[in-house]
Amino acid sequence: MSFTNEELAVMDTIIARYPKSRSAIMPLLHYVQSLDGYVTARGIETIADKLNLATAEVTAVSTFYTQYKSEPVGEYHVGICTNTLCAIMGGDAIYQSVCDHLGIKKDQTTADGKVSLERIECNAACDYAPVVMVNWEFYDNQTPASVNNLVDAIREGNPPAPTRGPSKLQTWKENSAVLAGLSDGLADEGVQAGAPSLLGLNIANSKGKK
């Protein structure tokens, strides 16, 4: 099935942002995910056609970055950081606990299609370790029990707001559209940088350092 004229027009708008059209590969891949839930063959073919590239060039990008999925994921995609600091602070225990709780493992999705699971190397939020992300939104200072409660709330249709960021948790498709550069109007909501992230800056300011 082809994309609609409206969807193709959005792709053209994304491409027009860039002096060189091939620079639009990554946002276009996110946009395809916002429509199909993952990077589909029709998405790769359409992007390649619009950018005058070989499908292999688009596929090379989509398979290099882990944010692009080649298979469907859950409506809410949970990424658990198990890199060094998060692991020491409990990330491994969180991962094992939620696997047991949901009855799934890495890259699997619950039968209801609500939650999928990924083991992530780093969420770039070590000051809040252990950290979990859902659809790339932060849930800080987690425990096995809190993450089990989080995925239960998601499956019940009542996902809690992220620790930092917007006041509500968007779906996988909705946040994929944001990553494509389409505004959801939520950019200014919630806490952006919390006290742990600003501690070094505040100490420097108190000492008159720039």
Protein backbone atom coordinates (compact mmCIF):
# COMPACT_ATOMS: atom_id res chain seq x y z
CA MET A 1 0.00 0.00 0.00
CA SER A 2 1.33 3.42 -0.96
CA PHE A 3 1.58 6.42 1.33
CA THR A 4 -1.16 8.99 0.99
CA ASN A 5 -0.63 12.27 -0.84
CA GLU A 6 -0.74 14.06 2.51
CA GLU A 7 1.96 11.80 3.95
CA LEU A 8 4.13 12.25 0.87
CA ALA A 9 3.71 16.01 1.21
CA VAL A 10 4.98 15.84 4.80
CA MET A 11 8.03 13.96 3.53
CA ASP A 12 8.65 16.73 1.00
CA THR A 13 8.41 19.30 3.79
CA ILE A 14 11.03 17.40 5.80
CA ILE A 15 13.35 17.13 2.80
CA ALA A 16 13.03 20.86 2.08
CA ARG A 17 14.68 21.67 5.42
CA TYR A 18 18.05 20.43 4.24
CA PRO A 19 20.49 21.97 1.71
CA LYS A 20 21.39 18.44 0.62
CA SER A 21 18.39 16.15 0.34
CA ARG A 22 20.19 12.99 1.53
CA SER A 23 20.55 14.65 4.94
CA ALA A 24 16.83 13.98 5.39
CA ILE A 25 17.32 10.19 5.60
CA MET A 26 17.16 10.01 9.39
CA PRO A 27 14.10 12.22 10.00
CA LEU A 28 12.33 10.46 7.14
CA LEU A 29 13.02 7.11 8.76
CA HIS A 30 11.51 8.41 12.00
CA TYR A 31 8.51 9.66 10.04
CA VAL A 32 8.00 6.24 8.46
CA GLN A 33 8.08 4.74 11.96
CA SER A 34 5.44 7.23 13.05
CA LEU A 35 3.14 5.89 10.33
CA ASP A 36 3.94 2.17 10.23
CA GLY A 37 5.37 1.60 13.71
CA TYR A 38 8.69 0.42 12.29
CA VAL A 39 10.85 0.86 9.20
CA THR A 40 8.96 -0.97 6.50
CA ALA A 41 10.03 -1.97 3.00
CA ARG A 42 7.61 0.56 1.54
CA GLY A 43 9.19 3.23 3.73
CA ILE A 44 12.72 2.44 2.59
CA GLU A 45 11.65 2.33 -1.05
CA THR A 46 9.78 5.64 -0.81
CA ILE A 47 12.65 7.41 0.97
CA ALA A 48 15.13 6.09 -1.58
CA ASP A 49 12.93 7.25 -4.44
CA LYS A 50 12.42 10.73 -2.98
CA LEU A 51 16.13 11.22 -2.25
CA ASN A 52 17.33 9.60 -5.47
CA LEU A 53 19.31 7.01 -3.53
CA ALA A 54 19.68 3.26 -3.73
CA THR A 55 17.52 1.37 -1.24
CA ALA A 56 20.75 -0.13 0.12
CA GLU A 57 21.89 3.35 1.21
CA VAL A 58 18.70 3.95 3.16
CA THR A 59 18.79 0.45 4.62
CA ALA A 60 22.38 0.99 5.75
CA VAL A 61 21.27 3.94 7.89
CA SER A 62 18.17 2.23 9.23
CA THR A 63 20.14 -0.83 10.35
CA PHE A 64 23.03 1.14 11.87
CA TYR A 65 21.03 3.12 14.45
CA THR A 66 19.15 1.19 17.10
CA GLN A 67 16.31 3.73 17.29
CA TYR A 68 15.09 2.41 13.96
CA LYS A 69 13.24 -0.89 14.24
CA SER A 70 12.96 -3.45 11.46
CA GLU A 71 10.10 -5.26 13.22
CA PRO A 72 7.01 -3.92 15.01
CA VAL A 73 7.48 -2.88 18.64
CA GLY A 74 4.96 -2.22 21.37
CA GLU A 75 2.83 0.88 21.64
CA TYR A 76 5.17 1.70 24.52
CA HIS A 77 8.78 0.67 23.99
CA VAL A 78 10.70 0.26 27.25
CA GLY A 79 14.47 0.66 27.22
CA ILE A 80 16.37 -0.35 30.35
CA CYS A 81 19.91 0.95 30.72
CA THR A 82 22.35 -1.74 31.82
CA ASN A 83 25.56 0.12 31.12
CA THR A 84 28.16 0.31 33.88
CA LEU A 85 26.73 2.91 36.26
CA CYS A 86 23.08 1.95 35.83
CA ALA A 87 24.02 -1.73 36.18
CA ILE A 88 25.86 -1.06 39.44
CA MET A 89 22.90 0.97 40.69
CA GLY A 90 20.42 -1.80 39.87
CA GLY A 91 19.84 -1.78 36.10
CA ASP A 92 20.52 -5.49 35.69
CA ALA A 93 18.11 -6.32 38.50
CA ILE A 94 15.46 -4.07 36.93
CA TYR A 95 15.89 -5.75 33.55
CA GLN A 96 15.57 -9.26 34.96
CA SER A 97 12.62 -8.29 37.13
CA VAL A 98 10.60 -6.75 34.30
CA CYS A 99 11.43 -9.69 32.00
CA ASP A 100 10.03 -12.07 34.59
CA HIS A 101 7.07 -9.79 35.30
CA LEU A 102 6.04 -9.44 31.66
CA GLY A 103 7.12 -12.89 30.49
CA ILE A 104 9.17 -11.44 27.64
CA LYS A 105 12.84 -10.82 26.89
CA LYS A 106 14.90 -8.35 24.88
CA ASP A 107 13.29 -7.31 21.57
CA GLN A 108 10.02 -9.05 22.42
CA THR A 109 6.53 -7.58 22.82
CA THR A 110 3.70 -8.52 25.17
CA ALA A 111 0.80 -10.40 23.59
CA ASP A 112 -1.48 -7.35 23.91
CA GLY A 113 0.98 -5.29 21.84
CA LYS A 114 1.31 -2.69 24.57
CA VAL A 115 4.89 -3.12 25.80
CA SER A 116 8.14 -4.13 24.13
CA LEU A 117 11.50 -4.37 25.83
CA GLU A 118 15.03 -3.34 24.93
CA ARG A 119 18.30 -3.55 26.81
CA ILE A 120 20.09 -0.25 26.21
CA GLU A 121 23.79 0.49 26.58
CA CYS A 122 23.33 4.07 27.78
CA ASN A 123 20.43 6.48 28.18
CA ALA A 124 22.83 9.44 28.70
CA ALA A 125 21.36 10.20 32.13
CA CYS A 126 23.92 8.75 34.53
CA ASP A 127 23.10 11.39 37.15
CA TYR A 128 19.70 9.70 37.57
CA ALA A 129 20.85 6.08 37.51
CA PRO A 130 19.30 3.61 37.20
CA VAL A 131 17.31 5.06 34.30
CA VAL A 132 14.55 3.59 32.15
CA MET A 133 13.16 5.19 29.01
CA VAL A 134 9.72 4.64 27.51
CA ASN A 135 9.40 5.86 23.93
CA TRP A 136 12.61 7.83 24.66
CA GLU A 137 11.13 9.67 27.66
CA PHE A 138 12.98 9.51 30.98
CA TYR A 139 11.96 7.64 34.11
CA ASP A 140 14.69 8.33 36.65
CA ASN A 141 15.99 6.62 39.79
CA GLN A 142 14.07 3.42 39.16
CA THR A 143 13.78 0.16 41.08
CA PRO A 144 12.51 -3.27 40.03
CA ALA A 145 9.20 -2.60 41.78
CA SER A 146 8.74 0.87 40.27
CA VAL A 147 9.36 -0.39 36.73
CA ASN A 148 6.96 -3.30 37.20
CA ASN A 149 4.36 -0.76 38.36
CA LEU A 150 5.20 1.43 35.37
CA VAL A 151 4.59 -1.29 32.79
CA ASP A 152 1.42 -2.39 34.60
CA ALA A 153 0.07 1.16 34.42
CA ILE A 154 0.93 1.32 30.73
CA ARG A 155 -0.92 -1.92 30.01
CA GLU A 156 -3.92 -0.66 31.96
CA GLY A 157 -4.07 2.42 29.72
CA ASN A 158 -2.86 4.86 32.36
CA PRO A 159 0.83 5.53 31.65
CA PRO A 160 2.39 7.88 34.23
CA ALA A 161 4.07 11.07 33.09
CA PRO A 162 7.84 10.96 32.54
CA THR A 163 10.09 12.14 35.35
CA ARG A 164 11.41 14.88 33.06
CA GLY A 165 9.86 16.22 29.89
CA PRO A 166 6.20 16.38 28.84
CA SER A 167 3.33 16.03 31.30
CA LYS A 168 2.03 12.95 29.50
CA LEU A 169 3.64 9.94 27.85
CA GLN A 170 3.15 9.82 24.11
CA THR A 171 2.95 6.57 22.15
CA TRP A 172 5.80 5.10 20.12
CA LYS A 173 4.31 6.43 16.89
CA GLU A 174 3.63 9.87 18.33
CA ASN A 175 7.19 10.26 19.60
CA SER A 176 8.58 8.95 16.32
CA ALA A 177 6.85 11.88 14.63
CA VAL A 178 8.54 14.24 17.10
CA LEU A 179 11.93 12.72 16.25
CA ALA A 180 11.10 13.35 12.60
CA GLY A 181 10.86 17.03 13.49
CA LEU A 182 7.08 17.37 13.73
CA SER A 183 6.02 19.37 16.78
CA ASP A 184 3.60 17.87 19.30
CA GLY A 185 3.36 21.15 21.21
CA LEU A 186 4.85 19.61 24.36
CA ALA A 187 8.46 20.82 24.10
CA ASP A 188 8.16 23.33 26.95
CA GLU A 189 6.37 21.06 29.40
CA GLY A 190 7.83 19.56 32.55
CA VAL A 191 11.30 19.58 34.08
CA GLN A 192 14.06 19.81 31.50
CA ALA A 193 17.29 19.72 33.53
CA GLY A 194 16.97 18.67 37.16
CA ALA A 195 19.17 19.50 40.15
CA PRO A 196 21.65 16.61 39.66
CA SER A 197 22.32 17.69 36.06
CA LEU A 198 22.86 21.31 37.09
CA LEU A 199 24.96 20.66 40.21
CA GLY A 200 28.34 21.20 38.54
CA LEU A 201 27.16 24.39 36.84
CA ASN A 202 25.75 25.74 40.09
CA ILE A 203 28.99 25.02 41.96
CA ALA A 204 30.96 26.79 39.22
CA ASN A 205 28.63 29.79 39.36
CA SER A 206 28.95 29.98 43.14
CA LYS A 207 32.72 30.19 42.74
CA GLY A 208 32.47 32.85 40.07
CA LYS A 209 33.62 30.51 37.31
CA LYS A 210 32.34 30.82 33.75
